[in-house]
mmCIF file of all heavy atoms, coordinates in Angstrom:
data_MODEL
# 
_entry.id   MODEL 
# 
loop_
_atom_site.group_PDB 
_atom_site.id 
_atom_site.type_symbol 
_atom_site.label_atom_id 
_atom_site.label_alt_id 
_atom_site.label_comp_id 
_atom_site.label_asym_id 
_atom_site.label_entity_id 
_atom_site.label_seq_id 
_atom_site.pdbx_PDB_ins_code 
_atom_site.Cartn_x 
_atom_site.Cartn_y 
_atom_site.Cartn_z 
_atom_site.occupancy 
_atom_site.B_iso_or_equiv 
_atom_site.pdbx_formal_charge 
_atom_site.auth_seq_id 
_atom_site.auth_comp_id 
_atom_site.auth_asym_id 
_atom_site.auth_atom_id 
_atom_site.pdbx_PDB_model_num 
ATOM 1   N N   . ASP A 1 1  ? 0.827  -1.216  0.000   1.00 0.00 ? 1  ASP A N   1 
ATOM 2   C CA  . ASP A 1 1  ? 0.000  0.000   0.000   1.00 0.00 ? 1  ASP A CA  1 
ATOM 3   C C   . ASP A 1 1  ? 0.860  1.265   0.000   1.00 0.00 ? 1  ASP A C   1 
ATOM 4   O O   . ASP A 1 1  ? 0.578  2.243   0.695   1.00 0.00 ? 1  ASP A O   1 
ATOM 5   C CB  . ASP A 1 1  ? -0.957 0.009   1.196   1.00 0.00 ? 1  ASP A CB  1 
ATOM 6   C CG  . ASP A 1 1  ? -2.113 0.991   1.010   1.00 0.00 ? 1  ASP A CG  1 
ATOM 7   O OD1 . ASP A 1 1  ? -2.472 1.274   -0.146  1.00 0.00 ? 1  ASP A OD1 1 
ATOM 8   O OD2 . ASP A 1 1  ? -2.654 1.477   2.029   1.00 0.00 ? 1  ASP A OD2 1 
ATOM 9   N N   . VAL A 1 2  ? 1.936  1.226   -0.784  1.00 0.00 ? 2  VAL A N   1 
ATOM 10  C CA  . VAL A 1 2  ? 2.836  2.366   -0.954  1.00 0.00 ? 2  VAL A CA  1 
ATOM 11  C C   . VAL A 1 2  ? 2.629  2.944   -2.348  1.00 0.00 ? 2  VAL A C   1 
ATOM 12  O O   . VAL A 1 2  ? 2.674  2.208   -3.338  1.00 0.00 ? 2  VAL A O   1 
ATOM 13  C CB  . VAL A 1 2  ? 4.305  1.941   -0.777  1.00 0.00 ? 2  VAL A CB  1 
ATOM 14  C CG1 . VAL A 1 2  ? 5.252  3.068   -1.160  1.00 0.00 ? 2  VAL A CG1 1 
ATOM 15  C CG2 . VAL A 1 2  ? 4.554  1.497   0.660   1.00 0.00 ? 2  VAL A CG2 1 
ATOM 16  N N   . LYS A 1 3  ? 2.404  4.240   -2.435  1.00 0.00 ? 3  LYS A N   1 
ATOM 17  C CA  . LYS A 1 3  ? 2.243  4.882   -3.734  1.00 0.00 ? 3  LYS A CA  1 
ATOM 18  C C   . LYS A 1 3  ? 3.612  5.210   -4.335  1.00 0.00 ? 3  LYS A C   1 
ATOM 19  O O   . LYS A 1 3  ? 4.524  5.633   -3.632  1.00 0.00 ? 3  LYS A O   1 
ATOM 20  C CB  . LYS A 1 3  ? 1.433  6.171   -3.589  1.00 0.00 ? 3  LYS A CB  1 
ATOM 21  C CG  . LYS A 1 3  ? -0.029 5.959   -3.245  1.00 0.00 ? 3  LYS A CG  1 
ATOM 22  C CD  . LYS A 1 3  ? -0.753 7.290   -3.160  1.00 0.00 ? 3  LYS A CD  1 
ATOM 23  C CE  . LYS A 1 3  ? -2.232 7.094   -2.823  1.00 0.00 ? 3  LYS A CE  1 
ATOM 24  N NZ  . LYS A 1 3  ? -2.961 8.386   -2.707  1.00 0.00 ? 3  LYS A NZ  1 
ATOM 25  N N   . ILE A 1 4  ? 3.716  5.005   -5.646  1.00 0.00 ? 4  ILE A N   1 
ATOM 26  C CA  . ILE A 1 4  ? 4.873  5.487   -6.397  1.00 0.00 ? 4  ILE A CA  1 
ATOM 27  C C   . ILE A 1 4  ? 4.394  6.672   -7.238  1.00 0.00 ? 4  ILE A C   1 
ATOM 28  O O   . ILE A 1 4  ? 3.441  6.550   -7.996  1.00 0.00 ? 4  ILE A O   1 
ATOM 29  C CB  . ILE A 1 4  ? 5.469  4.403   -7.298  1.00 0.00 ? 4  ILE A CB  1 
ATOM 30  C CG1 . ILE A 1 4  ? 5.862  3.172   -6.470  1.00 0.00 ? 4  ILE A CG1 1 
ATOM 31  C CG2 . ILE A 1 4  ? 6.687  4.953   -8.044  1.00 0.00 ? 4  ILE A CG2 1 
ATOM 32  C CD1 . ILE A 1 4  ? 6.425  2.031   -7.296  1.00 0.00 ? 4  ILE A CD1 1 
ATOM 33  N N   . TRP A 1 5  ? 5.079  7.769   -7.090  1.00 0.00 ? 5  TRP A N   1 
ATOM 34  C CA  . TRP A 1 5  ? 4.643  9.007   -7.730  1.00 0.00 ? 5  TRP A CA  1 
ATOM 35  C C   . TRP A 1 5  ? 5.420  9.257   -9.014  1.00 0.00 ? 5  TRP A C   1 
ATOM 36  O O   . TRP A 1 5  ? 6.652  9.264   -9.022  1.00 0.00 ? 5  TRP A O   1 
ATOM 37  C CB  . TRP A 1 5  ? 4.813  10.182  -6.779  1.00 0.00 ? 5  TRP A CB  1 
ATOM 38  C CG  . TRP A 1 5  ? 3.852  10.121  -5.623  1.00 0.00 ? 5  TRP A CG  1 
ATOM 39  C CD1 . TRP A 1 5  ? 3.956  9.348   -4.501  1.00 0.00 ? 5  TRP A CD1 1 
ATOM 40  C CD2 . TRP A 1 5  ? 2.626  10.834  -5.507  1.00 0.00 ? 5  TRP A CD2 1 
ATOM 41  N NE1 . TRP A 1 5  ? 2.867  9.539   -3.691  1.00 0.00 ? 5  TRP A NE1 1 
ATOM 42  C CE2 . TRP A 1 5  ? 2.030  10.450  -4.271  1.00 0.00 ? 5  TRP A CE2 1 
ATOM 43  C CE3 . TRP A 1 5  ? 1.965  11.766  -6.300  1.00 0.00 ? 5  TRP A CE3 1 
ATOM 44  C CZ2 . TRP A 1 5  ? 0.816  10.962  -3.829  1.00 0.00 ? 5  TRP A CZ2 1 
ATOM 45  C CZ3 . TRP A 1 5  ? 0.752  12.284  -5.865  1.00 0.00 ? 5  TRP A CZ3 1 
ATOM 46  C CH2 . TRP A 1 5  ? 0.195  11.884  -4.648  1.00 0.00 ? 5  TRP A CH2 1 
ATOM 47  N N   . GLY A 1 6  ? 4.688  9.460   -10.107 1.00 0.00 ? 6  GLY A N   1 
ATOM 48  C CA  . GLY A 1 6  ? 5.294  9.876   -11.358 1.00 0.00 ? 6  GLY A CA  1 
ATOM 49  C C   . GLY A 1 6  ? 5.465  11.382  -11.347 1.00 0.00 ? 6  GLY A C   1 
ATOM 50  O O   . GLY A 1 6  ? 4.505  12.120  -11.132 1.00 0.00 ? 6  GLY A O   1 
ATOM 51  N N   . LEU A 1 7  ? 6.676  11.850  -11.584 1.00 0.00 ? 7  LEU A N   1 
ATOM 52  C CA  . LEU A 1 7  ? 7.003  13.260  -11.425 1.00 0.00 ? 7  LEU A CA  1 
ATOM 53  C C   . LEU A 1 7  ? 6.885  14.037  -12.739 1.00 0.00 ? 7  LEU A C   1 
ATOM 54  O O   . LEU A 1 7  ? 7.287  13.544  -13.799 1.00 0.00 ? 7  LEU A O   1 
ATOM 55  C CB  . LEU A 1 7  ? 8.423  13.412  -10.892 1.00 0.00 ? 7  LEU A CB  1 
ATOM 56  C CG  . LEU A 1 7  ? 8.713  12.791  -9.524  1.00 0.00 ? 7  LEU A CG  1 
ATOM 57  C CD1 . LEU A 1 7  ? 10.176 13.007  -9.162  1.00 0.00 ? 7  LEU A CD1 1 
ATOM 58  C CD2 . LEU A 1 7  ? 7.798  13.372  -8.450  1.00 0.00 ? 7  LEU A CD2 1 
ATOM 59  N N   . LYS A 1 8  ? 6.374  15.233  -12.638 1.00 0.00 ? 8  LYS A N   1 
ATOM 60  C CA  . LYS A 1 8  ? 6.344  16.106  -13.806 1.00 0.00 ? 8  LYS A CA  1 
ATOM 61  C C   . LYS A 1 8  ? 7.775  16.508  -14.176 1.00 0.00 ? 8  LYS A C   1 
ATOM 62  O O   . LYS A 1 8  ? 8.663  16.614  -13.324 1.00 0.00 ? 8  LYS A O   1 
ATOM 63  C CB  . LYS A 1 8  ? 5.496  17.347  -13.542 1.00 0.00 ? 8  LYS A CB  1 
ATOM 64  C CG  . LYS A 1 8  ? 6.004  18.272  -12.466 1.00 0.00 ? 8  LYS A CG  1 
ATOM 65  C CD  . LYS A 1 8  ? 5.075  19.457  -12.283 1.00 0.00 ? 8  LYS A CD  1 
ATOM 66  C CE  . LYS A 1 8  ? 5.564  20.402  -11.194 1.00 0.00 ? 8  LYS A CE  1 
ATOM 67  N NZ  . LYS A 1 8  ? 4.639  21.556  -11.005 1.00 0.00 ? 8  LYS A NZ  1 
ATOM 68  N N   . HIS A 1 9  ? 7.989  16.720  -15.480 1.00 0.00 ? 9  HIS A N   1 
ATOM 69  C CA  . HIS A 1 9  ? 9.319  17.073  -15.957 1.00 0.00 ? 9  HIS A CA  1 
ATOM 70  C C   . HIS A 1 9  ? 9.226  17.595  -17.381 1.00 0.00 ? 9  HIS A C   1 
ATOM 71  O O   . HIS A 1 9  ? 8.212  17.411  -18.069 1.00 0.00 ? 9  HIS A O   1 
ATOM 72  C CB  . HIS A 1 9  ? 10.249 15.859  -15.908 1.00 0.00 ? 9  HIS A CB  1 
ATOM 73  C CG  . HIS A 1 9  ? 9.746  14.687  -16.683 1.00 0.00 ? 9  HIS A CG  1 
ATOM 74  N ND1 . HIS A 1 9  ? 8.840  13.784  -16.170 1.00 0.00 ? 9  HIS A ND1 1 
ATOM 75  C CD2 . HIS A 1 9  ? 10.016 14.263  -17.941 1.00 0.00 ? 9  HIS A CD2 1 
ATOM 76  C CE1 . HIS A 1 9  ? 8.575  12.862  -17.067 1.00 0.00 ? 9  HIS A CE1 1 
ATOM 77  N NE2 . HIS A 1 9  ? 9.274  13.133  -18.155 1.00 0.00 ? 9  HIS A NE2 1 
ATOM 78  N N   . SER A 1 10 ? 10.280 18.243  -17.836 1.00 0.00 ? 10 SER A N   1 
ATOM 79  C CA  . SER A 1 10 ? 10.314 18.795  -19.182 1.00 0.00 ? 10 SER A CA  1 
ATOM 80  C C   . SER A 1 10 ? 10.736 17.735  -20.194 1.00 0.00 ? 10 SER A C   1 
ATOM 81  O O   . SER A 1 10 ? 11.298 16.696  -19.837 1.00 0.00 ? 10 SER A O   1 
ATOM 82  C CB  . SER A 1 10 ? 11.283 19.981  -19.242 1.00 0.00 ? 10 SER A CB  1 
ATOM 83  O OG  . SER A 1 10 ? 12.597 19.541  -18.932 1.00 0.00 ? 10 SER A OG  1 
ATOM 84  N N   . GLU A 1 11 ? 10.498 18.015  -21.451 1.00 0.00 ? 11 GLU A N   1 
ATOM 85  C CA  . GLU A 1 11 ? 10.756 17.041  -22.515 1.00 0.00 ? 11 GLU A CA  1 
ATOM 86  C C   . GLU A 1 11 ? 12.237 16.715  -22.643 1.00 0.00 ? 11 GLU A C   1 
ATOM 87  O O   . GLU A 1 11 ? 12.602 15.572  -22.938 1.00 0.00 ? 11 GLU A O   1 
ATOM 88  C CB  . GLU A 1 11 ? 10.230 17.564  -23.847 1.00 0.00 ? 11 GLU A CB  1 
ATOM 89  C CG  . GLU A 1 11 ? 10.406 16.603  -25.006 1.00 0.00 ? 11 GLU A CG  1 
ATOM 90  C CD  . GLU A 1 11 ? 9.762  17.093  -26.281 1.00 0.00 ? 11 GLU A CD  1 
ATOM 91  O OE1 . GLU A 1 11 ? 9.156  18.172  -26.265 1.00 0.00 ? 11 GLU A OE1 1 
ATOM 92  O OE2 . GLU A 1 11 ? 9.866  16.373  -27.296 1.00 0.00 ? 11 GLU A OE2 1 
ATOM 93  N N   . ASN A 1 12 ? 13.097 17.671  -22.422 1.00 0.00 ? 12 ASN A N   1 
ATOM 94  C CA  . ASN A 1 12 ? 14.524 17.471  -22.646 1.00 0.00 ? 12 ASN A CA  1 
ATOM 95  C C   . ASN A 1 12 ? 15.310 17.265  -21.351 1.00 0.00 ? 12 ASN A C   1 
ATOM 96  O O   . ASN A 1 12 ? 16.521 17.450  -21.319 1.00 0.00 ? 12 ASN A O   1 
ATOM 97  C CB  . ASN A 1 12 ? 15.093 18.676  -23.399 1.00 0.00 ? 12 ASN A CB  1 
ATOM 98  C CG  . ASN A 1 12 ? 14.456 18.849  -24.770 1.00 0.00 ? 12 ASN A CG  1 
ATOM 99  O OD1 . ASN A 1 12 ? 14.328 17.892  -25.515 1.00 0.00 ? 12 ASN A OD1 1 
ATOM 100 N ND2 . ASN A 1 12 ? 14.056 20.068  -25.086 1.00 0.00 ? 12 ASN A ND2 1 
ATOM 101 N N   . TYR A 1 13 ? 14.627 16.852  -20.295 1.00 0.00 ? 13 TYR A N   1 
ATOM 102 C CA  . TYR A 1 13 ? 15.290 16.683  -19.005 1.00 0.00 ? 13 TYR A CA  1 
ATOM 103 C C   . TYR A 1 13 ? 16.324 15.550  -19.057 1.00 0.00 ? 13 TYR A C   1 
ATOM 104 O O   . TYR A 1 13 ? 17.414 15.659  -18.527 1.00 0.00 ? 13 TYR A O   1 
ATOM 105 C CB  . TYR A 1 13 ? 14.233 16.399  -17.943 1.00 0.00 ? 13 TYR A CB  1 
ATOM 106 C CG  . TYR A 1 13 ? 14.741 16.426  -16.522 1.00 0.00 ? 13 TYR A CG  1 
ATOM 107 C CD1 . TYR A 1 13 ? 15.284 17.581  -15.974 1.00 0.00 ? 13 TYR A CD1 1 
ATOM 108 C CD2 . TYR A 1 13 ? 14.662 15.292  -15.719 1.00 0.00 ? 13 TYR A CD2 1 
ATOM 109 C CE1 . TYR A 1 13 ? 15.740 17.607  -14.674 1.00 0.00 ? 13 TYR A CE1 1 
ATOM 110 C CE2 . TYR A 1 13 ? 15.114 15.312  -14.410 1.00 0.00 ? 13 TYR A CE2 1 
ATOM 111 C CZ  . TYR A 1 13 ? 15.652 16.471  -13.892 1.00 0.00 ? 13 TYR A CZ  1 
ATOM 112 O OH  . TYR A 1 13 ? 16.109 16.489  -12.601 1.00 0.00 ? 13 TYR A OH  1 
ATOM 113 N N   . PHE A 1 14 ? 15.981 14.447  -19.732 1.00 0.00 ? 14 PHE A N   1 
ATOM 114 C CA  . PHE A 1 14 ? 16.887 13.319  -19.906 1.00 0.00 ? 14 PHE A CA  1 
ATOM 115 C C   . PHE A 1 14 ? 17.355 13.234  -21.354 1.00 0.00 ? 14 PHE A C   1 
ATOM 116 O O   . PHE A 1 14 ? 16.632 13.622  -22.271 1.00 0.00 ? 14 PHE A O   1 
ATOM 117 C CB  . PHE A 1 14 ? 16.198 12.000  -19.547 1.00 0.00 ? 14 PHE A CB  1 
ATOM 118 C CG  . PHE A 1 14 ? 15.705 11.924  -18.134 1.00 0.00 ? 14 PHE A CG  1 
ATOM 119 C CD1 . PHE A 1 14 ? 14.371 12.189  -17.835 1.00 0.00 ? 14 PHE A CD1 1 
ATOM 120 C CD2 . PHE A 1 14 ? 16.552 11.590  -17.096 1.00 0.00 ? 14 PHE A CD2 1 
ATOM 121 C CE1 . PHE A 1 14 ? 13.904 12.119  -16.535 1.00 0.00 ? 14 PHE A CE1 1 
ATOM 122 C CE2 . PHE A 1 14 ? 16.100 11.521  -15.787 1.00 0.00 ? 14 PHE A CE2 1 
ATOM 123 C CZ  . PHE A 1 14 ? 14.769 11.789  -15.513 1.00 0.00 ? 14 PHE A CZ  1 
ATOM 124 N N   . LYS A 1 15 ? 18.546 12.678  -21.539 1.00 0.00 ? 15 LYS A N   1 
ATOM 125 C CA  . LYS A 1 15 ? 19.059 12.437  -22.887 1.00 0.00 ? 15 LYS A CA  1 
ATOM 126 C C   . LYS A 1 15 ? 19.181 10.939  -23.100 1.00 0.00 ? 15 LYS A C   1 
ATOM 127 O O   . LYS A 1 15 ? 19.831 10.239  -22.300 1.00 0.00 ? 15 LYS A O   1 
ATOM 128 C CB  . LYS A 1 15 ? 20.421 13.103  -23.075 1.00 0.00 ? 15 LYS A CB  1 
ATOM 129 C CG  . LYS A 1 15 ? 21.009 12.914  -24.469 1.00 0.00 ? 15 LYS A CG  1 
ATOM 130 C CD  . LYS A 1 15 ? 22.363 13.607  -24.602 1.00 0.00 ? 15 LYS A CD  1 
ATOM 131 C CE  . LYS A 1 15 ? 22.968 13.376  -25.976 1.00 0.00 ? 15 LYS A CE  1 
ATOM 132 N NZ  . LYS A 1 15 ? 24.300 14.032  -26.109 1.00 0.00 ? 15 LYS A NZ  1 
ATOM 133 N N   . TYR A 1 16 ? 18.584 10.430  -24.165 1.00 0.00 ? 16 TYR A N   1 
ATOM 134 C CA  . TYR A 1 16 ? 18.597 8.996   -24.453 1.00 0.00 ? 16 TYR A CA  1 
ATOM 135 C C   . TYR A 1 16 ? 19.793 8.626   -25.323 1.00 0.00 ? 16 TYR A C   1 
ATOM 136 O O   . TYR A 1 16 ? 20.158 9.362   -26.256 1.00 0.00 ? 16 TYR A O   1 
ATOM 137 C CB  . TYR A 1 16 ? 17.310 8.593   -25.162 1.00 0.00 ? 16 TYR A CB  1 
ATOM 138 C CG  . TYR A 1 16 ? 17.247 7.130   -25.527 1.00 0.00 ? 16 TYR A CG  1 
ATOM 139 C CD1 . TYR A 1 16 ? 17.143 6.158   -24.546 1.00 0.00 ? 16 TYR A CD1 1 
ATOM 140 C CD2 . TYR A 1 16 ? 17.307 6.720   -26.858 1.00 0.00 ? 16 TYR A CD2 1 
ATOM 141 C CE1 . TYR A 1 16 ? 17.086 4.804   -24.863 1.00 0.00 ? 16 TYR A CE1 1 
ATOM 142 C CE2 . TYR A 1 16 ? 17.249 5.378   -27.193 1.00 0.00 ? 16 TYR A CE2 1 
ATOM 143 C CZ  . TYR A 1 16 ? 17.146 4.430   -26.195 1.00 0.00 ? 16 TYR A CZ  1 
ATOM 144 O OH  . TYR A 1 16 ? 17.106 3.101   -26.517 1.00 0.00 ? 16 TYR A OH  1 
ATOM 145 N N   . GLN A 1 17 ? 20.398 7.480   -25.027 1.00 0.00 ? 17 GLN A N   1 
ATOM 146 C CA  . GLN A 1 17 ? 21.472 6.921   -25.841 1.00 0.00 ? 17 GLN A CA  1 
ATOM 147 C C   . GLN A 1 17 ? 20.952 5.670   -26.557 1.00 0.00 ? 17 GLN A C   1 
ATOM 148 O O   . GLN A 1 17 ? 20.402 4.780   -25.913 1.00 0.00 ? 17 GLN A O   1 
ATOM 149 C CB  . GLN A 1 17 ? 22.666 6.535   -24.969 1.00 0.00 ? 17 GLN A CB  1 
ATOM 150 C CG  . GLN A 1 17 ? 23.205 7.670   -24.109 1.00 0.00 ? 17 GLN A CG  1 
ATOM 151 C CD  . GLN A 1 17 ? 24.386 7.204   -23.300 1.00 0.00 ? 17 GLN A CD  1 
ATOM 152 O OE1 . GLN A 1 17 ? 25.529 7.241   -23.772 1.00 0.00 ? 17 GLN A OE1 1 
ATOM 153 N NE2 . GLN A 1 17 ? 24.153 6.768   -22.072 1.00 0.00 ? 17 GLN A NE2 1 
ATOM 154 N N   . GLU A 1 18 ? 21.149 5.599   -27.833 1.00 0.00 ? 18 GLU A N   1 
ATOM 155 C CA  . GLU A 1 18 ? 20.719 4.428   -28.590 1.00 0.00 ? 18 GLU A CA  1 
ATOM 156 C C   . GLU A 1 18 ? 21.509 3.195   -28.141 1.00 0.00 ? 18 GLU A C   1 
ATOM 157 O O   . GLU A 1 18 ? 22.730 3.237   -28.025 1.00 0.00 ? 18 GLU A O   1 
ATOM 158 C CB  . GLU A 1 18 ? 20.915 4.642   -30.087 1.00 0.00 ? 18 GLU A CB  1 
ATOM 159 C CG  . GLU A 1 18 ? 20.018 5.709   -30.694 1.00 0.00 ? 18 GLU A CG  1 
ATOM 160 C CD  . GLU A 1 18 ? 18.551 5.300   -30.718 1.00 0.00 ? 18 GLU A CD  1 
ATOM 161 O OE1 . GLU A 1 18 ? 18.278 4.073   -30.685 1.00 0.00 ? 18 GLU A OE1 1 
ATOM 162 O OE2 . GLU A 1 18 ? 17.688 6.193   -30.770 1.00 0.00 ? 18 GLU A OE2 1 
ATOM 163 N N   . VAL A 1 19 ? 20.776 2.101   -27.893 1.00 0.00 ? 19 VAL A N   1 
ATOM 164 C CA  . VAL A 1 19 ? 21.412 0.861   -27.439 1.00 0.00 ? 19 VAL A CA  1 
ATOM 165 C C   . VAL A 1 19 ? 20.759 -0.330  -28.129 1.00 0.00 ? 19 VAL A C   1 
ATOM 166 O O   . VAL A 1 19 ? 19.600 -0.259  -28.547 1.00 0.00 ? 19 VAL A O   1 
ATOM 167 C CB  . VAL A 1 19 ? 21.287 0.693   -25.903 1.00 0.00 ? 19 VAL A CB  1 
ATOM 168 C CG1 . VAL A 1 19 ? 22.078 1.756   -25.169 1.00 0.00 ? 19 VAL A CG1 1 
ATOM 169 C CG2 . VAL A 1 19 ? 19.828 0.697   -25.472 1.00 0.00 ? 19 VAL A CG2 1 
ATOM 170 N N   . PRO A 1 20 ? 21.472 -1.451  -28.226 1.00 0.00 ? 20 PRO A N   1 
ATOM 171 C CA  . PRO A 1 20 ? 20.865 -2.676  -28.756 1.00 0.00 ? 20 PRO A CA  1 
ATOM 172 C C   . PRO A 1 20 ? 20.163 -3.450  -27.650 1.00 0.00 ? 20 PRO A C   1 
ATOM 173 O O   . PRO A 1 20 ? 20.383 -3.227  -26.457 1.00 0.00 ? 20 PRO A O   1 
ATOM 174 C CB  . PRO A 1 20 ? 22.081 -3.455  -29.262 1.00 0.00 ? 20 PRO A CB  1 
ATOM 175 C CG  . PRO A 1 20 ? 23.192 -3.042  -28.325 1.00 0.00 ? 20 PRO A CG  1 
ATOM 176 C CD  . PRO A 1 20 ? 22.920 -1.591  -27.976 1.00 0.00 ? 20 PRO A CD  1 
ATOM 177 N N   . ASN A 1 21 ? 19.301 -4.358  -28.042 1.00 0.00 ? 21 ASN A N   1 
ATOM 178 C CA  . ASN A 1 21 ? 18.744 -5.367  -27.126 1.00 0.00 ? 21 ASN A CA  1 
ATOM 179 C C   . ASN A 1 21 ? 17.981 -4.761  -25.945 1.00 0.00 ? 21 ASN A C   1 
ATOM 180 O O   . ASN A 1 21 ? 18.325 -4.973  -24.781 1.00 0.00 ? 21 ASN A O   1 
ATOM 181 C CB  . ASN A 1 21 ? 19.859 -6.273  -26.588 1.00 0.00 ? 21 ASN A CB  1 
ATOM 182 C CG  . ASN A 1 21 ? 20.646 -6.948  -27.680 1.00 0.00 ? 21 ASN A CG  1 
ATOM 183 O OD1 . ASN A 1 21 ? 20.104 -7.294  -28.719 1.00 0.00 ? 21 ASN A OD1 1 
ATOM 184 N ND2 . ASN A 1 21 ? 21.943 -7.109  -27.451 1.00 0.00 ? 21 ASN A ND2 1 
ATOM 185 N N   . THR A 1 22 ? 16.928 -4.014  -26.241 1.00 0.00 ? 22 THR A N   1 
ATOM 186 C CA  . THR A 1 22 ? 16.125 -3.476  -25.148 1.00 0.00 ? 22 THR A CA  1 
ATOM 187 C C   . THR A 1 22 ? 15.106 -4.517  -24.683 1.00 0.00 ? 22 THR A C   1 
ATOM 188 O O   . THR A 1 22 ? 14.679 -5.388  -25.453 1.00 0.00 ? 22 THR A O   1 
ATOM 189 C CB  . THR A 1 22 ? 15.380 -2.202  -25.570 1.00 0.00 ? 22 THR A CB  1 
ATOM 190 O OG1 . THR A 1 22 ? 14.389 -2.535  -26.556 1.00 0.00 ? 22 THR A OG1 1 
ATOM 191 C CG2 . THR A 1 22 ? 16.339 -1.162  -26.137 1.00 0.00 ? 22 THR A CG2 1 
ATOM 192 N N   . ILE A 1 23 ? 14.711 -4.407  -23.422 1.00 0.00 ? 23 ILE A N   1 
ATOM 193 C CA  . ILE A 1 23 ? 13.698 -5.320  -22.882 1.00 0.00 ? 23 ILE A CA  1 
ATOM 194 C C   . ILE A 1 23 ? 12.390 -5.164  -23.641 1.00 0.00 ? 23 ILE A C   1 
ATOM 195 O O   . ILE A 1 23 ? 11.705 -6.155  -23.936 1.00 0.00 ? 23 ILE A O   1 
ATOM 196 C CB  . ILE A 1 23 ? 13.500 -5.058  -21.378 1.00 0.00 ? 23 ILE A CB  1 
ATOM 197 C CG1 . ILE A 1 23 ? 14.768 -5.435  -20.617 1.00 0.00 ? 23 ILE A CG1 1 
ATOM 198 C CG2 . ILE A 1 23 ? 12.310 -5.846  -20.848 1.00 0.00 ? 23 ILE A CG2 1 
ATOM 199 C CD1 . ILE A 1 23 ? 14.726 -5.060  -19.147 1.00 0.00 ? 23 ILE A CD1 1 
ATOM 200 N N   . TYR A 1 24 ? 12.036 -3.942  -23.966 1.00 0.00 ? 24 TYR A N   1 
ATOM 201 C CA  . TYR A 1 24 ? 10.794 -3.704  -24.711 1.00 0.00 ? 24 TYR A CA  1 
ATOM 202 C C   . TYR A 1 24 ? 10.808 -4.454  -26.043 1.00 0.00 ? 24 TYR A C   1 
ATOM 203 O O   . TYR A 1 24 ? 9.828  -5.134  -26.390 1.00 0.00 ? 24 TYR A O   1 
ATOM 204 C CB  . TYR A 1 24 ? 10.609 -2.209  -24.949 1.00 0.00 ? 24 TYR A CB  1 
ATOM 205 C CG  . TYR A 1 24 ? 9.438  -1.879  -25.846 1.00 0.00 ? 24 TYR A CG  1 
ATOM 206 C CD1 . TYR A 1 24 ? 8.149  -1.821  -25.328 1.00 0.00 ? 24 TYR A CD1 1 
ATOM 207 C CD2 . TYR A 1 24 ? 9.620  -1.641  -27.208 1.00 0.00 ? 24 TYR A CD2 1 
ATOM 208 C CE1 . TYR A 1 24 ? 7.054  -1.540  -26.154 1.00 0.00 ? 24 TYR A CE1 1 
ATOM 209 C CE2 . TYR A 1 24 ? 8.550  -1.353  -28.031 1.00 0.00 ? 24 TYR A CE2 1 
ATOM 210 C CZ  . TYR A 1 24 ? 7.266  -1.303  -27.503 1.00 0.00 ? 24 TYR A CZ  1 
ATOM 211 O OH  . TYR A 1 24 ? 6.202  -1.025  -28.323 1.00 0.00 ? 24 TYR A OH  1 
ATOM 212 N N   . GLU A 1 25 ? 11.885 -4.350  -26.780 1.00 0.00 ? 25 GLU A N   1 
ATOM 213 C CA  . GLU A 1 25 ? 11.963 -5.019  -28.081 1.00 0.00 ? 25 GLU A CA  1 
ATOM 214 C C   . GLU A 1 25 ? 11.868 -6.534  -27.928 1.00 0.00 ? 25 GLU A C   1 
ATOM 215 O O   . GLU A 1 25 ? 11.255 -7.208  -28.757 1.00 0.00 ? 25 GLU A O   1 
ATOM 216 C CB  . GLU A 1 25 ? 13.274 -4.633  -28.781 1.00 0.00 ? 25 GLU A CB  1 
ATOM 217 C CG  . GLU A 1 25 ? 13.310 -3.188  -29.236 1.00 0.00 ? 25 GLU A CG  1 
ATOM 218 C CD  . GLU A 1 25 ? 14.687 -2.757  -29.701 1.00 0.00 ? 25 GLU A CD  1 
ATOM 219 O OE1 . GLU A 1 25 ? 15.683 -3.470  -29.390 1.00 0.00 ? 25 GLU A OE1 1 
ATOM 220 O OE2 . GLU A 1 25 ? 14.784 -1.717  -30.366 1.00 0.00 ? 25 GLU A OE2 1 
ATOM 221 N N   . ASP A 1 26 ? 12.450 -7.056  -26.877 1.00 0.00 ? 26 ASP A N   1 
ATOM 222 C CA  . ASP A 1 26 ? 12.438 -8.505  -26.661 1.00 0.00 ? 26 ASP A CA  1 
ATOM 223 C C   . ASP A 1 26 ? 11.065 -9.029  -26.256 1.00 0.00 ? 26 ASP A C   1 
ATOM 224 O O   . ASP A 1 26 ? 10.713 -10.174 -26.563 1.00 0.00 ? 26 ASP A O   1 
ATOM 225 C CB  . ASP A 1 26 ? 13.450 -8.887  -25.586 1.00 0.00 ? 26 ASP A CB  1 
ATOM 226 C CG  . ASP A 1 26 ? 14.886 -8.730  -26.064 1.00 0.00 ? 26 ASP A CG  1 
ATOM 227 O OD1 . ASP A 1 26 ? 15.097 -8.667  -27.295 1.00 0.00 ? 26 ASP A OD1 1 
ATOM 228 O OD2 . ASP A 1 26 ? 15.786 -8.675  -25.209 1.00 0.00 ? 26 ASP A OD2 1 
ATOM 229 N N   . LYS A 1 27 ? 10.282 -8.192  -25.563 1.00 0.00 ? 27 LYS A N   1 
ATOM 230 C CA  . LYS A 1 27 ? 9.087  -8.708  -24.909 1.00 0.00 ? 27 LYS A CA  1 
ATOM 231 C C   . LYS A 1 27 ? 7.760  -8.129  -25.400 1.00 0.00 ? 27 LYS A C   1 
ATOM 232 O O   . LYS A 1 27 ? 6.701  -8.613  -24.988 1.00 0.00 ? 27 LYS A O   1 
ATOM 233 C CB  . LYS A 1 27 ? 9.188  -8.474  -23.401 1.00 0.00 ? 27 LYS A CB  1 
ATOM 234 C CG  . LYS A 1 27 ? 10.293 -9.264  -22.725 1.00 0.00 ? 27 LYS A CG  1 
ATOM 235 C CD  . LYS A 1 27 ? 10.159 -9.201  -21.218 1.00 0.00 ? 27 LYS A CD  1 
ATOM 236 C CE  . LYS A 1 27 ? 11.150 -10.098 -20.526 1.00 0.00 ? 27 LYS A CE  1 
ATOM 237 N NZ  . LYS A 1 27 ? 10.920 -10.162 -19.064 1.00 0.00 ? 27 LYS A NZ  1 
ATOM 238 N N   . VAL A 1 28 ? 7.787  -7.117  -26.241 1.00 0.00 ? 28 VAL A N   1 
ATOM 239 C CA  . VAL A 1 28 ? 6.545  -6.424  -26.588 1.00 0.00 ? 28 VAL A CA  1 
ATOM 240 C C   . VAL A 1 28 ? 5.489  -7.368  -27.152 1.00 0.00 ? 28 VAL A C   1 
ATOM 241 O O   . VAL A 1 28 ? 4.283  -7.185  -26.908 1.00 0.00 ? 28 VAL A O   1 
ATOM 242 C CB  . VAL A 1 28 ? 6.830  -5.260  -27.563 1.00 0.00 ? 28 VAL A CB  1 
ATOM 243 C CG1 . VAL A 1 28 ? 7.410  -5.764  -28.887 1.00 0.00 ? 28 VAL A CG1 1 
ATOM 244 C CG2 . VAL A 1 28 ? 5.570  -4.426  -27.794 1.00 0.00 ? 28 VAL A CG2 1 
# 
């Protein structure tokens, strides 16, 4: 019964690096 809070943020707050073999690609 613990809430996890999704935080507001700007579009460019994080920078993504292209990588191979993502979990999403393997499991979608």
